[in-house]
């Protein structure tokens, strides 16, 4: 069961609880470029691209599955403990 904050996140970004938890794929791009932190428990499966351009850090255990590209334009590296599965590119700050 999700917390009220997690439910609000799902409503705001038009995803289901199963999609939030990574139990069901999001069959499109997921644009979260304004998100500065990852909500606890969020581990999506995204069929296309995942945009997380404004993240300031990635929590341990965040391991999304992304069919396309993963955009992390505010980060210079992926920390230990984060192991995303990406079908395309991982784009980091240069």
PDB file of N, CA and C in Angstrom:
ATOM      1  N   UNK A   1       0.839  -1.180   0.000  1.00  0.00           N
ATOM      2  CA  UNK A   1       0.000   0.000   0.000  1.00  0.00           C
ATOM      3  C   UNK A   1       0.888   1.249   0.000  1.00  0.00           C
ATOM      4  N   UNK A   2       0.523   2.212  -0.833  1.00  0.00           N
ATOM      5  CA  UNK A   2       1.303   3.436  -0.956  1.00  0.00           C
ATOM      6  C   UNK A   2       0.916   4.456   0.112  1.00  0.00           C
ATOM      7  N   UNK A   3       1.878   5.313   0.426  1.00  0.00           N
ATOM      8  CA  UNK A   3       1.631   6.416   1.354  1.00  0.00           C
ATOM      9  C   UNK A   3       0.838   7.505   0.633  1.00  0.00           C
ATOM     10  N   UNK A   4       0.252   8.433   1.379  1.00  0.00           N
ATOM     11  CA  UNK A   4      -0.456   9.541   0.718  1.00  0.00           C
ATOM     12  C   UNK A   4       0.445  10.340  -0.234  1.00  0.00           C
ATOM     13  N   UNK A   5       1.725  10.518   0.125  1.00  0.00           N
ATOM     14  CA  UNK A   5       2.650  11.241  -0.748  1.00  0.00           C
ATOM     15  C   UNK A   5       2.899  10.474  -2.047  1.00  0.00           C
ATOM     16  N   UNK A   6       3.040   9.158  -1.934  1.00  0.00           N
ATOM     17  CA  UNK A   6       3.259   8.330  -3.124  1.00  0.00           C
ATOM     18  C   UNK A   6       2.019   8.327  -4.013  1.00  0.00           C
ATOM     19  N   UNK A   7       0.848   8.294  -3.409  1.00  0.00           N
ATOM     20  CA  UNK A   7      -0.405   8.340  -4.174  1.00  0.00           C
ATOM     21  C   UNK A   7      -0.518   9.667  -4.913  1.00  0.00           C
ATOM     22  N   UNK A   8      -0.182  10.760  -4.244  1.00  0.00           N
ATOM     23  CA  UNK A   8      -0.216  12.078  -4.893  1.00  0.00           C
ATOM     24  C   UNK A   8       0.759  12.121  -6.068  1.00  0.00           C
ATOM     25  N   UNK A   9       1.951  11.533  -5.894  1.00  0.00           N
ATOM     26  CA  UNK A   9       2.931  11.459  -6.976  1.00  0.00           C
ATOM     27  C   UNK A   9       2.322  10.722  -8.174  1.00  0.00           C
ATOM     28  N   UNK A  10       1.689   9.588  -7.928  1.00  0.00           N
ATOM     29  CA  UNK A  10       1.066   8.809  -9.006  1.00  0.00           C
ATOM     30  C   UNK A  10      -0.006   9.629  -9.724  1.00  0.00           C
ATOM     31  N   UNK A  11      -0.838  10.310  -8.958  1.00  0.00           N
ATOM     32  CA  UNK A  11      -1.899  11.120  -9.551  1.00  0.00           C
ATOM     33  C   UNK A  11      -1.311  12.261 -10.384  1.00  0.00           C
ATOM     34  N   UNK A  12      -0.294  12.921  -9.841  1.00  0.00           N
ATOM     35  CA  UNK A  12       0.331  14.050 -10.534  1.00  0.00           C
ATOM     36  C   UNK A  12       0.950  13.626 -11.860  1.00  0.00           C
ATOM     37  N   UNK A  13       1.554  12.445 -11.883  1.00  0.00           N
ATOM     38  CA  UNK A  13       2.279  11.993 -13.074  1.00  0.00           C
ATOM     39  C   UNK A  13       1.506  10.964 -13.889  1.00  0.00           C
ATOM     40  N   UNK A  14       0.243  10.774 -13.521  1.00  0.00           N
ATOM     41  CA  UNK A  14      -0.679   9.906 -14.262  1.00  0.00           C
ATOM     42  C   UNK A  14      -0.134   8.497 -14.451  1.00  0.00           C
ATOM     43  N   UNK A  15       0.316   7.906 -13.343  1.00  0.00           N
ATOM     44  CA  UNK A  15       0.746   6.514 -13.355  1.00  0.00           C
ATOM     45  C   UNK A  15      -0.026   5.759 -12.274  1.00  0.00           C
ATOM     46  N   UNK A  16      -0.098   4.449 -12.416  1.00  0.00           N
ATOM     47  CA  UNK A  16      -0.809   3.624 -11.451  1.00  0.00           C
ATOM     48  C   UNK A  16       0.130   3.201 -10.315  1.00  0.00           C
ATOM     49  N   UNK A  17      -0.462   2.660  -9.270  1.00  0.00           N
ATOM     50  CA  UNK A  17       0.333   2.139  -8.161  1.00  0.00           C
ATOM     51  C   UNK A  17       1.265   1.029  -8.650  1.00  0.00           C
ATOM     52  N   UNK A  18       0.761   0.148  -9.497  1.00  0.00           N
ATOM     53  CA  UNK A  18       1.582  -0.945 -10.039  1.00  0.00           C
ATOM     54  C   UNK A  18       2.744  -0.390 -10.864  1.00  0.00           C
ATOM     55  N   UNK A  19       2.512   0.676 -11.610  1.00  0.00           N
ATOM     56  CA  UNK A  19       3.583   1.298 -12.391  1.00  0.00           C
ATOM     57  C   UNK A  19       4.599   1.974 -11.469  1.00  0.00           C
ATOM     58  N   UNK A  20       4.145   2.614 -10.412  1.00  0.00           N
ATOM     59  CA  UNK A  20       5.037   3.234  -9.437  1.00  0.00           C
ATOM     60  C   UNK A  20       5.996   2.207  -8.852  1.00  0.00           C
ATOM     61  N   UNK A  21       5.471   1.039  -8.534  1.00  0.00           N
ATOM     62  CA  UNK A  21       6.262  -0.026  -7.903  1.00  0.00           C
ATOM     63  C   UNK A  21       7.064  -0.853  -8.894  1.00  0.00           C
ATOM     64  N   UNK A  22       6.890  -0.606 -10.198  1.00  0.00           N
ATOM     65  CA  UNK A  22       7.627  -1.358 -11.208  1.00  0.00           C
ATOM     66  C   UNK A  22       7.031  -2.704 -11.528  1.00  0.00           C
ATOM     67  N   UNK A  23       5.786  -2.930 -11.118  1.00  0.00           N
ATOM     68  CA  UNK A  23       5.116  -4.207 -11.392  1.00  0.00           C
ATOM     69  C   UNK A  23       4.423  -4.207 -12.753  1.00  0.00           C
ATOM     70  N   UNK A  24       4.250  -3.019 -13.315  1.00  0.00           N
ATOM     71  CA  UNK A  24       3.593  -2.852 -14.607  1.00  0.00           C
ATOM     72  C   UNK A  24       4.358  -1.802 -15.400  1.00  0.00           C
ATOM     73  N   UNK A  25       4.571  -2.047 -16.674  1.00  0.00           N
ATOM     74  CA  UNK A  25       5.341  -1.122 -17.510  1.00  0.00           C
ATOM     75  C   UNK A  25       4.548   0.126 -17.875  1.00  0.00           C
ATOM     76  N   UNK A  26       5.250   1.233 -17.918  1.00  0.00           N
ATOM     77  CA  UNK A  26       4.721   2.484 -18.445  1.00  0.00           C
ATOM     78  C   UNK A  26       5.105   2.489 -19.920  1.00  0.00           C
ATOM     79  N   UNK A  27       4.135   2.348 -20.798  1.00  0.00           N
ATOM     80  CA  UNK A  27       4.396   2.134 -22.228  1.00  0.00           C
ATOM     81  C   UNK A  27       4.577   3.418 -23.015  1.00  0.00           C
ATOM     82  N   UNK A  28       5.324   4.340 -22.460  1.00  0.00           N
ATOM     83  CA  UNK A  28       5.576   5.617 -23.141  1.00  0.00           C
ATOM     84  C   UNK A  28       6.771   6.270 -22.466  1.00  0.00           C
ATOM     85  N   UNK A  29       7.148   7.464 -22.959  1.00  0.00           N
ATOM     86  CA  UNK A  29       8.153   8.266 -22.274  1.00  0.00           C
ATOM     87  C   UNK A  29       7.593   8.695 -20.923  1.00  0.00           C
ATOM     88  N   UNK A  30       8.474   8.808 -19.930  1.00  0.00           N
ATOM     89  CA  UNK A  30       8.077   9.345 -18.634  1.00  0.00           C
ATOM     90  C   UNK A  30       8.958  10.565 -18.372  1.00  0.00           C
ATOM     91  N   UNK A  31       8.341  11.739 -18.443  1.00  0.00           N
ATOM     92  CA  UNK A  31       9.064  13.003 -18.309  1.00  0.00           C
ATOM     93  C   UNK A  31       8.906  13.524 -16.885  1.00  0.00           C
ATOM     94  N   UNK A  32       9.947  13.344 -16.088  1.00  0.00           N
ATOM     95  CA  UNK A  32       9.971  13.825 -14.709  1.00  0.00           C
ATOM     96  C   UNK A  32      11.110  14.822 -14.538  1.00  0.00           C
ATOM     97  N   UNK A  33      11.313  15.662 -15.536  1.00  0.00           N
ATOM     98  CA  UNK A  33      12.469  16.569 -15.540  1.00  0.00           C
ATOM     99  C   UNK A  33      12.455  17.560 -14.395  1.00  0.00           C
ATOM    100  N   UNK A  34      11.320  17.830 -13.768  1.00  0.00           N
ATOM    101  CA  UNK A  34      11.271  18.779 -12.652  1.00  0.00           C
ATOM    102  C   UNK A  34      11.494  18.106 -11.295  1.00  0.00           C
ATOM    103  N   UNK A  35      11.570  16.792 -11.279  1.00  0.00           N
ATOM    104  CA  UNK A  35      11.735  16.044 -10.031  1.00  0.00           C
ATOM    105  C   UNK A  35      13.166  16.193  -9.507  1.00  0.00           C
ATOM    106  N   UNK A  36      13.312  16.616  -8.244  1.00  0.00           N
ATOM    107  CA  UNK A  36      14.652  16.796  -7.671  1.00  0.00           C
ATOM    108  C   UNK A  36      15.075  15.632  -6.781  1.00  0.00           C
ATOM    109  N   UNK A  37      14.124  14.773  -6.409  1.00  0.00           N
ATOM    110  CA  UNK A  37      14.460  13.574  -5.632  1.00  0.00           C
ATOM    111  C   UNK A  37      13.489  12.453  -5.992  1.00  0.00           C
ATOM    112  N   UNK A  38      13.946  11.231  -5.807  1.00  0.00           N
ATOM    113  CA  UNK A  38      13.148  10.045  -6.123  1.00  0.00           C
ATOM    114  C   UNK A  38      12.295   9.680  -4.917  1.00  0.00           C
ATOM    115  N   UNK A  39      10.980   9.530  -5.089  1.00  0.00           N
ATOM    116  CA  UNK A  39      10.152   9.099  -3.965  1.00  0.00           C
ATOM    117  C   UNK A  39      10.520   7.672  -3.535  1.00  0.00           C
ATOM    118  N   UNK A  40      10.488   7.419  -2.246  1.00  0.00           N
ATOM    119  CA  UNK A  40      10.784   6.089  -1.724  1.00  0.00           C
ATOM    120  C   UNK A  40       9.855   5.063  -2.368  1.00  0.00           C
ATOM    121  N   UNK A  41      10.444   3.957  -2.825  1.00  0.00           N
ATOM    122  CA  UNK A  41       9.676   2.875  -3.428  1.00  0.00           C
ATOM    123  C   UNK A  41       9.475   2.984  -4.923  1.00  0.00           C
ATOM    124  N   UNK A  42       9.883   4.101  -5.525  1.00  0.00           N
ATOM    125  CA  UNK A  42       9.678   4.314  -6.957  1.00  0.00           C
ATOM    126  C   UNK A  42      10.766   3.599  -7.746  1.00  0.00           C
ATOM    127  N   UNK A  43      10.387   2.590  -8.510  1.00  0.00           N
ATOM    128  CA  UNK A  43      11.299   1.825  -9.358  1.00  0.00           C
ATOM    129  C   UNK A  43      10.561   1.436 -10.629  1.00  0.00           C
ATOM    130  N   UNK A  44      10.397   2.377 -11.544  1.00  0.00           N
ATOM    131  CA  UNK A  44       9.544   2.131 -12.705  1.00  0.00           C
ATOM    132  C   UNK A  44      10.175   1.254 -13.781  1.00  0.00           C
ATOM    133  N   UNK A  45       9.286   0.678 -14.577  1.00  0.00           N
ATOM    134  CA  UNK A  45       9.662   0.044 -15.842  1.00  0.00           C
ATOM    135  C   UNK A  45       9.074   0.949 -16.925  1.00  0.00           C
ATOM    136  N   UNK A  46       9.939   1.590 -17.687  1.00  0.00           N
ATOM    137  CA  UNK A  46       9.498   2.553 -18.691  1.00  0.00           C
ATOM    138  C   UNK A  46       9.825   1.993 -20.072  1.00  0.00           C
ATOM    139  N   UNK A  47       8.813   1.880 -20.918  1.00  0.00           N
ATOM    140  CA  UNK A  47       9.006   1.301 -22.238  1.00  0.00           C
ATOM    141  C   UNK A  47       9.862   2.140 -23.168  1.00  0.00           C
ATOM    142  N   UNK A  48       9.845   3.444 -22.973  1.00  0.00           N
ATOM    143  CA  UNK A  48      10.613   4.338 -23.831  1.00  0.00           C
ATOM    144  C   UNK A  48      11.638   5.090 -22.983  1.00  0.00           C
ATOM    145  N   UNK A  49      11.670   6.423 -23.065  1.00  0.00           N
ATOM    146  CA  UNK A  49      12.682   7.219 -22.365  1.00  0.00           C
ATOM    147  C   UNK A  49      12.208   7.655 -20.983  1.00  0.00           C
ATOM    148  N   UNK A  50      13.171   7.802 -20.058  1.00  0.00           N
ATOM    149  CA  UNK A  50      12.902   8.319 -18.715  1.00  0.00           C
ATOM    150  C   UNK A  50      13.762   9.552 -18.514  1.00  0.00           C
ATOM    151  N   UNK A  51      13.110  10.697 -18.298  1.00  0.00           N
ATOM    152  CA  UNK A  51      13.813  11.966 -18.134  1.00  0.00           C
ATOM    153  C   UNK A  51      13.770  12.387 -16.670  1.00  0.00           C
ATOM    154  N   UNK A  52      14.943  12.426 -16.041  1.00  0.00           N
ATOM    155  CA  UNK A  52      15.110  12.838 -14.648  1.00  0.00           C
ATOM    156  C   UNK A  52      16.188  13.922 -14.582  1.00  0.00           C
ATOM    157  N   UNK A  53      16.048  14.940 -15.405  1.00  0.00           N
ATOM    158  CA  UNK A  53      17.088  15.952 -15.593  1.00  0.00           C
ATOM    159  C   UNK A  53      17.430  16.782 -14.364  1.00  0.00           C
ATOM    160  N   UNK A  54      16.538  16.927 -13.400  1.00  0.00           N
ATOM    161  CA  UNK A  54      16.781  17.815 -12.261  1.00  0.00           C
ATOM    162  C   UNK A  54      17.177  17.094 -10.977  1.00  0.00           C
ATOM    163  N   UNK A  55      17.380  15.788 -11.038  1.00  0.00           N
ATOM    164  CA  UNK A  55      17.757  15.051  -9.827  1.00  0.00           C
ATOM    165  C   UNK A  55      19.073  15.566  -9.274  1.00  0.00           C
ATOM    166  N   UNK A  56      19.133  15.697  -7.967  1.00  0.00           N
ATOM    167  CA  UNK A  56      20.378  16.102  -7.325  1.00  0.00           C
ATOM    168  C   UNK A  56      21.138  14.898  -6.782  1.00  0.00           C
ATOM    169  N   UNK A  57      20.443  13.765  -6.627  1.00  0.00           N
ATOM    170  CA  UNK A  57      21.080  12.521  -6.199  1.00  0.00           C
ATOM    171  C   UNK A  57      20.144  11.362  -6.511  1.00  0.00           C
ATOM    172  N   UNK A  58      20.706  10.165  -6.489  1.00  0.00           N
ATOM    173  CA  UNK A  58      19.927   8.948  -6.708  1.00  0.00           C
ATOM    174  C   UNK A  58      20.046   8.094  -5.453  1.00  0.00           C
ATOM    175  N   UNK A  59      18.926   7.684  -4.875  1.00  0.00           N
ATOM    176  CA  UNK A  59      19.004   6.867  -3.672  1.00  0.00           C
ATOM    177  C   UNK A  59      19.452   5.437  -3.977  1.00  0.00           C
ATOM    178  N   UNK A  60      20.094   4.822  -3.009  1.00  0.00           N
ATOM    179  CA  UNK A  60      20.476   3.423  -3.155  1.00  0.00           C
ATOM    180  C   UNK A  60      19.212   2.608  -3.362  1.00  0.00           C
ATOM    181  N   UNK A  61      19.287   1.655  -4.255  1.00  0.00           N
ATOM    182  CA  UNK A  61      18.143   0.799  -4.539  1.00  0.00           C
ATOM    183  C   UNK A  61      17.258   1.287  -5.671  1.00  0.00           C
ATOM    184  N   UNK A  62      17.555   2.458  -6.233  1.00  0.00           N
ATOM    185  CA  UNK A  62      16.782   2.935  -7.380  1.00  0.00           C
ATOM    186  C   UNK A  62      17.343   2.262  -8.618  1.00  0.00           C
ATOM    187  N   UNK A  63      16.587   1.332  -9.172  1.00  0.00           N
ATOM    188  CA  UNK A  63      17.038   0.520 -10.302  1.00  0.00           C
ATOM    189  C   UNK A  63      15.944   0.442 -11.366  1.00  0.00           C
ATOM    190  N   UNK A  64      15.705   1.538 -12.071  1.00  0.00           N
ATOM    191  CA  UNK A  64      14.654   1.513 -13.082  1.00  0.00           C
ATOM    192  C   UNK A  64      15.038   0.643 -14.281  1.00  0.00           C
ATOM    193  N   UNK A  65      14.018   0.176 -14.982  1.00  0.00           N
ATOM    194  CA  UNK A  65      14.207  -0.519 -16.254  1.00  0.00           C
ATOM    195  C   UNK A  65      13.669   0.411 -17.330  1.00  0.00           C
ATOM    196  N   UNK A  66      14.539   0.795 -18.260  1.00  0.00           N
ATOM    197  CA  UNK A  66      14.189   1.790 -19.270  1.00  0.00           C
ATOM    198  C   UNK A  66      14.476   1.212 -20.650  1.00  0.00           C
ATOM    199  N   UNK A  67      13.463   1.175 -21.505  1.00  0.00           N
ATOM    200  CA  UNK A  67      13.638   0.631 -22.842  1.00  0.00           C
ATOM    201  C   UNK A  67      14.443   1.527 -23.758  1.00  0.00           C
ATOM    202  N   UNK A  68      14.369   2.830 -23.538  1.00  0.00           N
ATOM    203  CA  UNK A  68      15.089   3.804 -24.353  1.00  0.00           C
ATOM    204  C   UNK A  68      16.230   4.420 -23.581  1.00  0.00           C
ATOM    205  N   UNK A  69      16.272   5.764 -23.583  1.00  0.00           N
ATOM    206  CA  UNK A  69      17.347   6.503 -22.922  1.00  0.00           C
ATOM    207  C   UNK A  69      16.946   6.926 -21.514  1.00  0.00           C
ATOM    208  N   UNK A  70      17.953   7.031 -20.642  1.00  0.00           N
ATOM    209  CA  UNK A  70      17.780   7.535 -19.283  1.00  0.00           C
ATOM    210  C   UNK A  70      18.531   8.859 -19.190  1.00  0.00           C
ATOM    211  N   UNK A  71      17.801   9.950 -18.989  1.00  0.00           N
ATOM    212  CA  UNK A  71      18.395  11.283 -18.942  1.00  0.00           C
ATOM    213  C   UNK A  71      18.570  11.724 -17.491  1.00  0.00           C
ATOM    214  N   UNK A  72      19.828  11.926 -17.104  1.00  0.00           N
ATOM    215  CA  UNK A  72      20.197  12.371 -15.757  1.00  0.00           C
ATOM    216  C   UNK A  72      21.112  13.581 -15.885  1.00  0.00           C
ATOM    217  N   UNK A  73      20.640  14.614 -16.553  1.00  0.00           N
ATOM    218  CA  UNK A  73      21.481  15.748 -16.946  1.00  0.00           C
ATOM    219  C   UNK A  73      22.081  16.546 -15.793  1.00  0.00           C
ATOM    220  N   UNK A  74      21.562  16.436 -14.584  1.00  0.00           N
ATOM    221  CA  UNK A  74      22.125  17.170 -13.447  1.00  0.00           C
ATOM    222  C   UNK A  74      23.190  16.376 -12.700  1.00  0.00           C
ATOM    223  N   UNK A  75      23.372  15.110 -13.064  1.00  0.00           N
ATOM    224  CA  UNK A  75      24.331  14.250 -12.366  1.00  0.00           C
ATOM    225  C   UNK A  75      25.577  14.016 -13.214  1.00  0.00           C
ATOM    226  N   UNK A  76      26.707  13.819 -12.557  1.00  0.00           N
ATOM    227  CA  UNK A  76      27.949  13.524 -13.272  1.00  0.00           C
ATOM    228  C   UNK A  76      28.326  12.048 -13.192  1.00  0.00           C
ATOM    229  N   UNK A  77      27.658  11.295 -12.296  1.00  0.00           N
ATOM    230  CA  UNK A  77      27.930   9.866 -12.184  1.00  0.00           C
ATOM    231  C   UNK A  77      26.715   9.165 -11.581  1.00  0.00           C
ATOM    232  N   UNK A  78      26.672   7.859 -11.782  1.00  0.00           N
ATOM    233  CA  UNK A  78      25.641   7.033 -11.161  1.00  0.00           C
ATOM    234  C   UNK A  78      26.266   6.392  -9.928  1.00  0.00           C
ATOM    235  N   UNK A  79      25.686   6.603  -8.750  1.00  0.00           N
ATOM    236  CA  UNK A  79      26.309   6.100  -7.527  1.00  0.00           C
ATOM    237  C   UNK A  79      26.243   4.579  -7.406  1.00  0.00           C
ATOM    238  N   UNK A  80      27.163   4.052  -6.626  1.00  0.00           N
ATOM    239  CA  UNK A  80      27.163   2.623  -6.321  1.00  0.00           C
ATOM    240  C   UNK A  80      25.834   2.285  -5.660  1.00  0.00           C
ATOM    241  N   UNK A  81      25.298   1.136  -5.990  1.00  0.00           N
ATOM    242  CA  UNK A  81      24.007   0.733  -5.442  1.00  0.00           C
ATOM    243  C   UNK A  81      22.845   1.035  -6.368  1.00  0.00           C
ATOM    244  N   UNK A  82      23.105   1.828  -7.397  1.00  0.00           N
ATOM    245  CA  UNK A  82      22.091   2.110  -8.410  1.00  0.00           C
ATOM    246  C   UNK A  82      22.507   1.362  -9.670  1.00  0.00           C
ATOM    247  N   UNK A  83      21.646   0.505 -10.147  1.00  0.00           N
ATOM    248  CA  UNK A  83      21.980  -0.330 -11.292  1.00  0.00           C
ATOM    249  C   UNK A  83      20.832  -0.324 -12.302  1.00  0.00           C
ATOM    250  N   UNK A  84      20.649   0.789 -13.020  1.00  0.00           N
ATOM    251  CA  UNK A  84      19.549   0.838 -13.975  1.00  0.00           C
ATOM    252  C   UNK A  84      19.794  -0.090 -15.167  1.00  0.00           C
ATOM    253  N   UNK A  85      18.723  -0.659 -15.684  1.00  0.00           N
ATOM    254  CA  UNK A  85      18.787  -1.447 -16.910  1.00  0.00           C
ATOM    255  C   UNK A  85      18.264  -0.547 -18.021  1.00  0.00           C
ATOM    256  N   UNK A  86      19.136  -0.204 -18.957  1.00  0.00           N
ATOM    257  CA  UNK A  86      18.792   0.782 -19.976  1.00  0.00           C
ATOM    258  C   UNK A  86      19.034   0.201 -21.368  1.00  0.00           C
ATOM    259  N   UNK A  87      17.998   0.277 -22.218  1.00  0.00           N
ATOM    260  CA  UNK A  87      18.122  -0.223 -23.576  1.00  0.00           C
ATOM    261  C   UNK A  87      18.839   0.728 -24.506  1.00  0.00           C
ATOM    262  N   UNK A  88      18.842   2.013 -24.173  1.00  0.00           N
ATOM    263  CA  UNK A  88      19.489   3.039 -24.985  1.00  0.00           C
ATOM    264  C   UNK A  88      20.713   3.577 -24.277  1.00  0.00           C
ATOM    265  N   UNK A  89      20.764   4.904 -24.163  1.00  0.00           N
ATOM    266  CA  UNK A  89      21.920   5.575 -23.548  1.00  0.00           C
ATOM    267  C   UNK A  89      21.576   6.065 -22.155  1.00  0.00           C
ATOM    268  N   UNK A  90      22.619   6.239 -21.337  1.00  0.00           N
ATOM    269  CA  UNK A  90      22.497   6.971 -20.079  1.00  0.00           C
ATOM    270  C   UNK A  90      23.171   8.308 -20.321  1.00  0.00           C
ATOM    271  N   UNK A  91      22.418   9.395 -20.203  1.00  0.00           N
ATOM    272  CA  UNK A  91      22.921  10.730 -20.502  1.00  0.00           C
ATOM    273  C   UNK A  91      23.164  11.461 -19.181  1.00  0.00           C
ATOM    274  N   UNK A  92      24.448  11.755 -18.898  1.00  0.00           N
ATOM    275  CA  UNK A  92      24.841  12.453 -17.682  1.00  0.00           C
ATOM    276  C   UNK A  92      25.361  13.835 -18.021  1.00  0.00           C
ATOM    277  N   UNK A  93      25.463  14.697 -17.015  1.00  0.00           N
ATOM    278  CA  UNK A  93      26.034  16.030 -17.177  1.00  0.00           C
ATOM    279  C   UNK A  93      27.485  15.911 -17.621  1.00  0.00           C
ATOM    280  N   UNK A  94      27.873  16.737 -18.547  1.00  0.00           N
ATOM    281  CA  UNK A  94      29.244  16.691 -19.068  1.00  0.00           C
ATOM    282  C   UNK A  94      30.146  17.616 -18.311  1.00  0.00           C
TER     283      UNK A  94
END
